């Protein structure tokens, strides 16, 4: 059984992915959250935290994308897969909150990469987040 925080992060990733596939800036994250919420009939447990985290990732998008691009040496942001890009955005949103220890945020992001992305994604996610955390002095 997964912890509620882990489920909320997975839900946030799903919401962000749906937002990006539906055109990103063409609609608000709130409209995606409402649409997905009605699909379930009743919002699943951890939904509010996941929706909040996804909204924070969208709100900080330009800054998060710049930090990702700076840390992902030899990778243009548009070459990074949508799942990996959104895992990184969510992790940066959570790091900016400052309420979860940096190592926990990185470990949870790597876990999401294991579940939802390709075989090489966990190492990539770990490397980028480690670089960002070291740059900001969080590690």
Protein backbone atom coordinates (compact mmCIF):
# COMPACT_ATOMS: atom_id res chain seq x y z
CA UNK A 1 0.00 0.00 0.00
CA UNK A 2 1.31 3.42 -0.97
CA UNK A 3 1.52 6.36 1.40
CA UNK A 4 -1.02 9.16 0.81
CA UNK A 5 1.79 11.57 -0.07
CA UNK A 6 3.08 9.23 -2.76
CA UNK A 7 -0.41 8.81 -4.21
CA UNK A 8 -0.84 12.59 -4.24
CA UNK A 9 2.41 12.99 -6.19
CA UNK A 10 1.30 10.37 -8.72
CA UNK A 11 -2.06 12.14 -9.05
CA UNK A 12 -0.26 15.47 -9.56
CA UNK A 13 1.84 13.91 -12.33
CA UNK A 14 -1.28 12.56 -14.03
CA UNK A 15 -2.95 15.98 -13.84
CA UNK A 16 0.10 17.75 -15.23
CA UNK A 17 0.42 15.23 -18.04
CA UNK A 18 -3.27 15.69 -18.94
CA UNK A 19 -2.78 19.46 -18.83
CA UNK A 20 0.23 19.32 -21.15
CA UNK A 21 -1.49 16.96 -23.60
CA UNK A 22 -4.53 19.22 -23.74
CA UNK A 23 -2.44 22.13 -24.93
CA UNK A 24 -0.76 23.37 -21.79
CA UNK A 25 -1.33 27.10 -21.63
CA UNK A 26 -4.42 26.79 -23.82
CA UNK A 27 -6.41 25.89 -20.72
CA UNK A 28 -5.91 26.29 -17.01
CA UNK A 29 -4.79 23.52 -14.73
CA UNK A 30 -7.95 24.16 -12.74
CA UNK A 31 -10.11 23.20 -15.74
CA UNK A 32 -8.13 19.96 -16.13
CA UNK A 33 -8.48 19.25 -12.41
CA UNK A 34 -12.24 19.79 -12.64
CA UNK A 35 -12.55 17.59 -15.74
CA UNK A 36 -10.54 14.74 -14.24
CA UNK A 37 -12.37 15.08 -10.91
CA UNK A 38 -15.75 14.65 -12.58
CA UNK A 39 -14.46 11.56 -14.37
CA UNK A 40 -14.13 9.85 -10.99
CA UNK A 41 -17.51 11.09 -9.79
CA UNK A 42 -15.95 11.72 -6.42
CA UNK A 43 -12.44 13.03 -5.99
CA UNK A 44 -10.08 10.21 -4.95
CA UNK A 45 -8.13 10.38 -1.72
CA UNK A 46 -5.12 12.69 -1.98
CA UNK A 47 -6.67 14.46 -4.93
CA UNK A 48 -6.61 17.90 -3.33
CA UNK A 49 -2.91 17.69 -2.50
CA UNK A 50 -2.14 16.37 -5.97
CA UNK A 51 -4.17 19.16 -7.59
CA UNK A 52 -2.46 21.75 -5.40
CA UNK A 53 0.99 20.43 -6.31
CA UNK A 54 0.13 20.37 -10.03
CA UNK A 55 -1.13 23.97 -9.82
CA UNK A 56 2.12 25.05 -8.13
CA UNK A 57 4.13 23.34 -10.88
CA UNK A 58 2.17 25.21 -13.55
CA UNK A 59 2.45 28.51 -11.70
CA UNK A 60 6.23 28.20 -11.53
CA UNK A 61 6.61 26.73 -15.01
CA UNK A 62 8.95 29.30 -16.63
CA UNK A 63 11.32 29.33 -13.65
CA UNK A 64 11.20 25.54 -13.20
CA UNK A 65 11.85 24.92 -16.89
CA UNK A 66 14.82 27.30 -16.82
CA UNK A 67 16.28 25.51 -13.79
CA UNK A 68 15.73 22.11 -15.43
CA UNK A 69 17.36 23.25 -18.67
CA UNK A 70 20.36 24.62 -16.77
CA UNK A 71 20.81 21.39 -14.79
CA UNK A 72 20.18 18.97 -17.68
CA UNK A 73 23.53 19.30 -19.38
CA UNK A 74 23.53 18.41 -23.07
CA UNK A 75 19.72 18.11 -23.12
CA UNK A 76 17.38 20.69 -24.59
CA UNK A 77 14.17 20.84 -22.58
CA UNK A 78 12.05 20.03 -25.63
CA UNK A 79 13.99 16.75 -26.02
CA UNK A 80 13.11 15.63 -22.50
CA UNK A 81 10.04 13.38 -22.49
CA UNK A 82 6.74 14.81 -21.23
CA UNK A 83 6.59 12.45 -18.26
CA UNK A 84 10.16 13.16 -17.18
CA UNK A 85 9.71 16.92 -17.69
CA UNK A 86 6.59 16.92 -15.53
CA UNK A 87 8.18 14.79 -12.81
CA UNK A 88 10.98 17.36 -12.63
CA UNK A 89 8.51 20.27 -12.51
CA UNK A 90 6.57 18.62 -9.69
CA UNK A 91 9.74 17.97 -7.72
CA UNK A 92 10.85 21.57 -8.10
CA UNK A 93 7.43 22.80 -6.98
CA UNK A 94 7.68 20.62 -3.90
CA UNK A 95 11.25 21.71 -3.21
CA UNK A 96 10.16 25.35 -3.40
CA UNK A 97 7.49 24.68 -0.78
CA UNK A 98 10.28 23.71 1.58
CA UNK A 99 8.15 21.47 3.80
CA UNK A 100 9.52 18.13 2.54
CA UNK A 101 13.21 17.20 2.94
CA UNK A 102 15.18 17.43 -0.30
CA UNK A 103 16.23 13.76 -0.27
CA UNK A 104 12.60 12.66 0.14
CA UNK A 105 11.50 14.82 -2.82
CA UNK A 106 14.28 13.36 -4.99
CA UNK A 107 13.53 9.77 -3.91
CA UNK A 108 9.82 10.22 -4.62
CA UNK A 109 10.55 11.73 -8.04
CA UNK A 110 12.79 8.77 -8.88
CA UNK A 111 10.01 6.44 -7.74
CA UNK A 112 7.56 8.17 -10.12
CA UNK A 113 10.10 7.77 -12.93
CA UNK A 114 10.33 4.03 -12.20
CA UNK A 115 6.53 3.74 -12.37
CA UNK A 116 5.69 5.99 -15.30
CA UNK A 117 8.77 6.56 -17.47
CA UNK A 118 11.39 4.58 -19.35
CA UNK A 119 14.25 2.51 -17.93
CA UNK A 120 16.78 5.34 -18.15
CA UNK A 121 14.50 7.98 -16.67
CA UNK A 122 15.19 7.34 -12.96
CA UNK A 123 18.90 8.06 -13.37
CA UNK A 124 18.19 11.15 -15.44
CA UNK A 125 15.65 12.46 -12.90
CA UNK A 126 18.06 11.79 -10.03
CA UNK A 127 20.93 13.54 -11.81
CA UNK A 128 18.97 16.66 -12.72
CA UNK A 129 17.38 17.04 -9.28
CA UNK A 130 20.72 16.44 -7.57
CA UNK A 131 22.28 19.20 -9.69
CA UNK A 132 19.42 21.61 -8.94
CA UNK A 133 19.56 20.84 -5.22
CA UNK A 134 23.32 21.35 -5.08
CA UNK A 135 23.04 24.62 -7.02
CA UNK A 136 20.49 25.96 -4.55
CA UNK A 137 22.43 24.68 -1.53
CA UNK A 138 19.70 22.22 -0.51
CA UNK A 139 22.25 19.36 -0.61
